[in-house]
Amino acid sequence: MNENEIEIKEYRVEGEEIAEDKWQQQPAPKRHPYRIHIILFVLTVFTTLIAGALQQGAIPWEEPFSIVKGIPFSFTLISILLTHELAHYFASRRHSMTASLPYFIPGPPIPPLPIGTFGAVIKTNPPIPNKRALLDIGVSGPLAGFIVSVAAIVIGLNFSRVVPLEEVKGITIGLGDSLGFKLLSYLVIGTLSDKANIFLHPIAFAGWIGFFVTAMNLLPIGQLDGGHVVYAVLGRWHRIVSISMVGLLFILGYMSWPGWYLWGFLTTILGTRHPPVFHPNIELDKRRKIIAWITLIVFILTFTPEPFKIVEMP
């Protein structure tokens, strides 16, 4: 057995033993030094610090020390993204898959809604051994990130301010409420009148972004996390679901938020197909089917048809 070959000695499927078999993983890429991971991470910390400071009205390039005002936002958002990607990493390693450490992607902290990052990714080498491994890898990141996002939203809402609408002046960017965010807002703050609004604390805003990232990753398209889950559960029906979801994104782009057009084009370019697993006859067990349903609920709770909107107040 060479170094790129992983031996799977035994599987049991509904009481039946599958003969000893081997599956061939593609050769692992040359190990990159940790330098690139560290550089990207440091850059992302820097850009999210600037974003967080700008959200607080500070101008770091005029008052450099004011960048510390971005710490609550930066720390929270980085924690959510890191948790998401490390969950994928450890799930991949548990199934003997080759996986890289997270690559953070810094982004320009551009007003009026500075965020400072495009997220993070890890690299894994195909093929994935079976549907059970595929589901474990697919759900691990979104579920872990969701849990940290919930904690961030609950903590952040306790520091957020409820203000009358008449105090809001000019043009602002409004954030859409997912079902999950509405529920947490109700539990922490209570019922809001139609003439009041919430000014989110940076920790709560980072949690809101965590919900948005979770929903985007769980879109049942191609090889997104949601695509992994759909392929693990539905197999060959994955392509139909994937194409249908892309079509729905274009409809949502017309009806609610134009940004869905971009997501529709990007997912079309990335592809709506999913590569097969090595052992397609190894089906999901009952526990994993329950986890798949829980993941669907998480998607419903975090998705919002109109995540961003321009609000003009007199």
Protein backbone atom coordinates (compact mmCIF):
# COMPACT_ATOMS: atom_id res chain seq x y z
CA MET A 1 0.00 0.00 0.00
CA ASN A 2 1.58 3.29 -1.07
CA GLU A 3 1.45 6.52 0.90
CA ASN A 4 -1.52 7.83 -1.11
CA GLU A 5 -3.64 4.75 -0.51
CA ILE A 6 -5.90 4.42 2.49
CA GLU A 7 -7.11 1.00 3.49
CA ILE A 8 -10.68 0.53 4.66
CA LYS A 9 -10.77 -2.91 6.21
CA GLU A 10 -14.42 -3.28 7.13
CA TYR A 11 -17.83 -1.69 6.79
CA ARG A 12 -21.18 -2.88 8.04
CA VAL A 13 -24.34 -1.74 6.30
CA GLU A 14 -27.63 -2.83 7.85
CA GLY A 15 -26.04 -5.92 9.27
CA GLU A 16 -24.20 -6.90 6.09
CA GLU A 17 -20.43 -6.94 6.02
CA ILE A 18 -18.71 -5.47 3.00
CA ALA A 19 -15.55 -7.20 1.93
CA GLU A 20 -12.20 -5.58 2.61
CA ASP A 21 -11.62 -2.85 0.07
CA LYS A 22 -9.32 -0.01 -0.72
CA TRP A 23 -10.02 3.41 -2.04
CA GLN A 24 -7.48 5.56 -3.80
CA GLN A 25 -7.19 9.18 -2.78
CA GLN A 26 -5.64 11.66 -5.13
CA PRO A 27 -2.04 12.46 -4.21
CA ALA A 28 -1.87 15.12 -1.55
CA PRO A 29 -0.54 18.44 -2.78
CA LYS A 30 2.91 19.44 -1.69
CA ARG A 31 2.85 20.67 1.84
CA HIS A 32 2.82 24.43 1.86
CA PRO A 33 4.56 26.14 4.73
CA TYR A 34 2.27 27.58 7.34
CA ARG A 35 3.49 31.01 6.24
CA ILE A 36 0.66 31.55 3.73
CA HIS A 37 -1.97 30.58 6.34
CA ILE A 38 -0.43 32.94 8.88
CA ILE A 39 -0.12 35.84 6.42
CA LEU A 40 -3.73 35.53 5.26
CA PHE A 41 -4.94 35.19 8.85
CA VAL A 42 -3.03 38.29 10.00
CA LEU A 43 -4.28 40.29 7.00
CA THR A 44 -7.86 39.23 7.73
CA VAL A 45 -7.52 40.19 11.39
CA PHE A 46 -6.22 43.60 10.26
CA THR A 47 -8.99 44.23 7.71
CA THR A 48 -11.73 43.11 10.10
CA LEU A 49 -10.27 45.33 12.83
CA ILE A 50 -10.51 48.29 10.46
CA ALA A 51 -14.06 47.26 9.53
CA GLY A 52 -15.08 47.02 13.17
CA ALA A 53 -13.54 50.41 13.94
CA LEU A 54 -15.32 52.04 10.99
CA GLN A 55 -18.61 50.62 12.24
CA GLN A 56 -18.00 52.51 15.49
CA GLY A 57 -17.38 55.79 13.70
CA ALA A 58 -13.60 55.69 14.11
CA ILE A 59 -11.20 56.50 11.27
CA PRO A 60 -8.10 54.33 11.87
CA TRP A 61 -5.94 55.99 9.20
CA GLU A 62 -6.41 59.34 10.95
CA GLU A 63 -6.27 58.01 14.52
CA PRO A 64 -4.32 54.72 14.35
CA PHE A 65 -4.99 53.75 17.97
CA SER A 66 -8.75 53.86 17.32
CA ILE A 67 -8.38 50.52 15.53
CA VAL A 68 -8.82 48.85 18.93
CA LYS A 69 -12.52 49.74 18.68
CA GLY A 70 -12.75 47.02 16.06
CA ILE A 71 -11.67 44.23 18.42
CA PRO A 72 -15.16 43.01 19.46
CA PHE A 73 -16.31 42.66 15.85
CA SER A 74 -13.05 41.22 14.54
CA PHE A 75 -12.60 38.68 17.33
CA THR A 76 -16.19 37.46 17.09
CA LEU A 77 -16.29 37.14 13.30
CA ILE A 78 -12.87 35.45 13.13
CA SER A 79 -14.00 33.01 15.84
CA ILE A 80 -17.13 32.08 13.86
CA LEU A 81 -15.24 31.55 10.61
CA LEU A 82 -12.42 29.64 12.31
CA THR A 83 -14.88 27.36 14.11
CA HIS A 84 -16.67 26.64 10.82
CA GLU A 85 -13.50 25.71 8.94
CA LEU A 86 -11.86 23.75 11.76
CA ALA A 87 -15.02 21.67 12.09
CA HIS A 88 -14.65 20.76 8.40
CA TYR A 89 -10.96 20.05 8.96
CA PHE A 90 -11.44 17.67 11.88
CA ALA A 91 -14.39 15.92 10.21
CA SER A 92 -12.23 15.35 7.14
CA ARG A 93 -9.35 14.03 9.21
CA ARG A 94 -11.68 11.72 11.13
CA HIS A 95 -12.54 10.05 7.83
CA SER A 96 -8.87 9.87 6.78
CA MET A 97 -9.28 12.65 4.23
CA THR A 98 -6.38 14.94 3.43
CA ALA A 99 -7.31 18.50 4.42
CA SER A 100 -5.47 21.80 4.67
CA LEU A 101 -5.65 24.30 7.46
CA PRO A 102 -8.03 27.23 6.84
CA TYR A 103 -7.14 29.88 4.28
CA PHE A 104 -8.67 33.17 5.41
CA ILE A 105 -9.64 35.62 2.68
CA PRO A 106 -9.19 39.30 3.61
CA GLY A 107 -11.50 41.82 2.00
CA PRO A 108 -11.61 45.60 1.72
CA PRO A 109 -13.46 47.19 4.67
CA ILE A 110 -15.62 49.38 2.46
CA PRO A 111 -18.34 51.61 4.00
CA PRO A 112 -21.27 51.85 4.41
CA LEU A 113 -21.24 48.20 5.55
CA PRO A 114 -17.59 47.29 6.19
CA ILE A 115 -16.95 43.62 6.94
CA GLY A 116 -13.31 43.12 5.98
CA THR A 117 -13.33 39.50 4.83
CA PHE A 118 -14.77 37.17 2.22
CA GLY A 119 -14.66 34.23 4.63
CA ALA A 120 -12.31 31.26 4.79
CA VAL A 121 -11.85 27.94 3.00
CA ILE A 122 -9.99 24.67 3.39
CA LYS A 123 -8.80 22.27 0.71
CA THR A 124 -9.64 18.56 0.73
CA ASN A 125 -8.58 15.84 -1.67
CA PRO A 126 -11.18 13.64 -3.38
CA PRO A 127 -12.59 11.08 -3.53
CA ILE A 128 -14.76 11.10 -0.42
CA PRO A 129 -15.09 7.47 0.72
CA ASN A 130 -18.88 7.25 1.24
CA LYS A 131 -22.08 9.18 1.91
CA ARG A 132 -21.63 9.00 5.67
CA ALA A 133 -18.28 10.75 5.45
CA LEU A 134 -19.74 13.24 2.96
CA LEU A 135 -22.57 14.16 5.30
CA ASP A 136 -20.26 14.44 8.32
CA ILE A 137 -17.93 16.77 6.44
CA GLY A 138 -20.76 18.79 4.90
CA VAL A 139 -22.73 19.48 8.09
CA SER A 140 -19.83 19.93 10.51
CA GLY A 141 -18.87 23.47 9.49
CA PRO A 142 -22.35 25.03 9.26
CA LEU A 143 -23.57 23.45 12.51
CA ALA A 144 -20.46 24.47 14.45
CA GLY A 145 -20.52 27.99 13.01
CA PHE A 146 -24.24 28.25 13.75
CA ILE A 147 -23.72 27.45 17.43
CA VAL A 148 -21.02 30.12 17.82
CA SER A 149 -23.17 32.61 15.87
CA VAL A 150 -26.12 32.02 18.21
CA ALA A 151 -23.89 32.71 21.21
CA ALA A 152 -22.56 35.89 19.56
CA ILE A 153 -26.05 37.16 18.73
CA VAL A 154 -27.35 36.53 22.25
CA ILE A 155 -24.36 38.27 23.84
CA GLY A 156 -24.37 41.11 21.32
CA LEU A 157 -28.10 41.80 21.58
CA ASN A 158 -27.68 42.41 25.30
CA PHE A 159 -25.35 45.31 24.41
CA SER A 160 -27.39 46.57 21.44
CA ARG A 161 -29.55 49.69 21.56
CA VAL A 162 -33.23 50.01 20.73
CA VAL A 163 -33.84 53.46 19.25
CA PRO A 164 -36.94 55.25 17.91
CA LEU A 165 -37.08 55.45 14.13
CA GLU A 166 -37.18 59.25 14.25
CA GLU A 167 -33.60 59.20 15.56
CA VAL A 168 -32.44 57.40 12.41
CA LYS A 169 -31.49 59.98 9.80
CA GLY A 170 -30.29 59.78 6.21
CA ILE A 171 -29.53 56.68 4.16
CA THR A 172 -28.58 53.51 6.03
CA ILE A 173 -28.12 49.83 5.22
CA GLY A 174 -30.84 47.71 6.78
CA LEU A 175 -30.25 44.06 7.65
CA GLY A 176 -32.87 41.45 6.90
CA ASP A 177 -34.15 39.32 9.75
CA SER A 178 -33.93 35.57 9.37
CA LEU A 179 -36.36 33.47 11.41
CA GLY A 180 -33.56 32.54 13.79
CA PHE A 181 -32.48 36.14 14.32
CA LYS A 182 -36.08 37.24 14.91
CA LEU A 183 -36.50 34.50 17.50
CA LEU A 184 -33.31 35.42 19.35
CA SER A 185 -34.22 39.14 19.23
CA TYR A 186 -37.60 38.36 20.77
CA LEU A 187 -36.06 36.20 23.51
CA VAL A 188 -33.37 38.76 24.42
CA ILE A 189 -35.03 42.14 23.76
CA GLY A 190 -38.73 41.35 23.54
CA THR A 191 -41.35 42.67 21.17
CA LEU A 192 -40.40 45.77 19.18
CA SER A 193 -42.90 48.37 18.05
CA ASP A 194 -43.10 49.38 14.40
CA LYS A 195 -41.55 52.72 15.38
CA ALA A 196 -38.38 51.27 16.89
CA ASN A 197 -35.19 49.80 15.49
CA ILE A 198 -32.19 47.91 16.85
CA PHE A 199 -28.68 49.33 16.51
CA LEU A 200 -26.65 46.16 16.64
CA HIS A 201 -23.57 45.92 18.81
CA PRO A 202 -20.53 44.74 16.78
CA ILE A 203 -20.69 41.31 18.44
CA ALA A 204 -24.33 40.91 17.39
CA PHE A 205 -23.50 42.11 13.87
CA ALA A 206 -20.73 39.51 13.62
CA GLY A 207 -23.26 36.90 14.72
CA TRP A 208 -25.67 38.12 12.05
CA ILE A 209 -22.92 37.68 9.45
CA GLY A 210 -22.34 34.20 10.88
CA PHE A 211 -25.99 33.35 10.17
CA PHE A 212 -25.64 34.76 6.65
CA VAL A 213 -22.47 32.71 6.01
CA THR A 214 -24.17 29.59 7.35
CA ALA A 215 -27.15 30.04 5.04
CA MET A 216 -24.95 30.69 1.99
CA ASN A 217 -22.91 27.57 2.67
CA LEU A 218 -26.05 25.48 3.12
CA LEU A 219 -27.52 26.41 -0.26
CA PRO A 220 -28.21 22.98 -1.82
CA ILE A 221 -26.08 23.62 -4.88
CA GLY A 222 -23.10 21.81 -6.39
CA GLN A 223 -20.30 21.21 -3.91
CA LEU A 224 -21.33 23.77 -1.32
CA ASP A 225 -21.90 22.32 2.14
CA GLY A 226 -25.61 22.14 1.39
CA GLY A 227 -24.81 20.36 -1.87
CA HIS A 228 -22.82 17.76 0.07
CA VAL A 229 -25.80 17.16 2.36
CA VAL A 230 -28.27 16.83 -0.52
CA TYR A 231 -26.00 14.40 -2.39
CA ALA A 232 -25.53 12.31 0.75
CA VAL A 233 -29.29 12.13 1.30
CA LEU A 234 -30.74 12.11 -2.23
CA GLY A 235 -27.91 10.80 -4.40
CA ARG A 236 -28.67 11.21 -8.11
CA TRP A 237 -31.53 13.65 -7.37
CA HIS A 238 -28.91 16.15 -6.24
CA ARG A 239 -28.56 17.67 -9.73
CA ILE A 240 -32.28 18.44 -9.99
CA VAL A 241 -32.30 20.10 -6.56
CA SER A 242 -29.13 22.02 -7.42
CA ILE A 243 -30.43 23.41 -10.72
CA SER A 244 -33.79 24.26 -9.14
CA MET A 245 -32.07 26.22 -6.37
CA VAL A 246 -30.02 28.22 -8.88
CA GLY A 247 -33.26 29.11 -10.65
CA LEU A 248 -34.79 30.15 -7.34
CA LEU A 249 -31.83 32.47 -6.68
CA PHE A 250 -32.52 34.32 -9.93
CA ILE A 251 -36.20 34.61 -8.98
CA LEU A 252 -35.22 35.99 -5.56
CA GLY A 253 -32.88 38.42 -7.31
CA TYR A 254 -35.83 39.81 -9.23
CA MET A 255 -38.28 39.80 -6.31
CA SER A 256 -36.17 40.88 -3.32
CA TRP A 257 -32.38 41.35 -3.31
CA PRO A 258 -30.41 41.90 -6.56
CA GLY A 259 -27.36 40.31 -4.95
CA TRP A 260 -28.95 36.91 -5.58
CA TYR A 261 -28.22 37.42 -9.29
CA LEU A 262 -24.50 37.37 -8.46
CA TRP A 263 -24.87 34.24 -6.35
CA GLY A 264 -26.84 32.61 -9.15
CA PHE A 265 -24.10 33.36 -11.69
CA LEU A 266 -21.31 32.28 -9.33
CA THR A 267 -22.93 28.96 -8.46
CA THR A 268 -23.64 28.32 -12.14
CA ILE A 269 -19.97 28.92 -12.98
CA LEU A 270 -18.78 26.75 -10.08
CA GLY A 271 -21.09 23.98 -11.27
CA THR A 272 -24.24 22.24 -10.17
CA ARG A 273 -22.83 18.70 -10.34
CA HIS A 274 -21.36 16.69 -7.48
CA PRO A 275 -18.64 14.05 -7.87
CA PRO A 276 -19.59 10.53 -6.79
CA VAL A 277 -18.37 9.00 -3.55
CA PHE A 278 -16.14 5.93 -3.70
CA HIS A 279 -18.59 3.57 -1.96
CA PRO A 280 -22.09 4.70 -3.05
CA ASN A 281 -23.69 1.56 -1.58
CA ILE A 282 -22.92 2.63 1.99
CA GLU A 283 -26.09 4.51 2.94
CA LEU A 284 -26.73 6.93 5.78
CA ASP A 285 -27.65 5.51 9.15
CA LYS A 286 -30.59 6.75 11.21
CA ARG A 287 -28.48 9.15 13.30
CA ARG A 288 -27.08 10.87 10.23
CA LYS A 289 -30.52 11.17 8.66
CA ILE A 290 -31.66 13.00 11.79
CA ILE A 291 -28.61 15.28 11.56
CA ALA A 292 -29.52 16.02 7.93
CA TRP A 293 -33.01 17.12 9.02
CA ILE A 294 -31.50 19.29 11.77
CA THR A 295 -29.24 20.89 9.16
CA LEU A 296 -32.28 21.68 7.00
CA ILE A 297 -33.88 23.40 9.99
CA VAL A 298 -30.69 25.43 10.53
CA PHE A 299 -30.81 26.53 6.88
CA ILE A 300 -34.43 27.65 7.26
CA LEU A 301 -33.58 29.54 10.47
CA THR A 302 -30.59 31.39 9.00
CA PHE A 303 -31.78 32.17 5.47
CA THR A 304 -33.30 35.55 4.66
CA PRO A 305 -34.64 36.44 1.19
CA GLU A 306 -33.53 40.09 1.52
CA PRO A 307 -30.36 40.19 3.63
CA PHE A 308 -29.45 43.79 2.79
CA LYS A 309 -31.62 46.76 1.90
CA ILE A 310 -31.13 50.50 1.55
CA VAL A 311 -33.27 52.44 4.02
CA GLU A 312 -33.76 56.17 3.49
CA MET A 313 -35.04 58.08 6.49
CA PRO A 314 -36.17 61.73 6.36
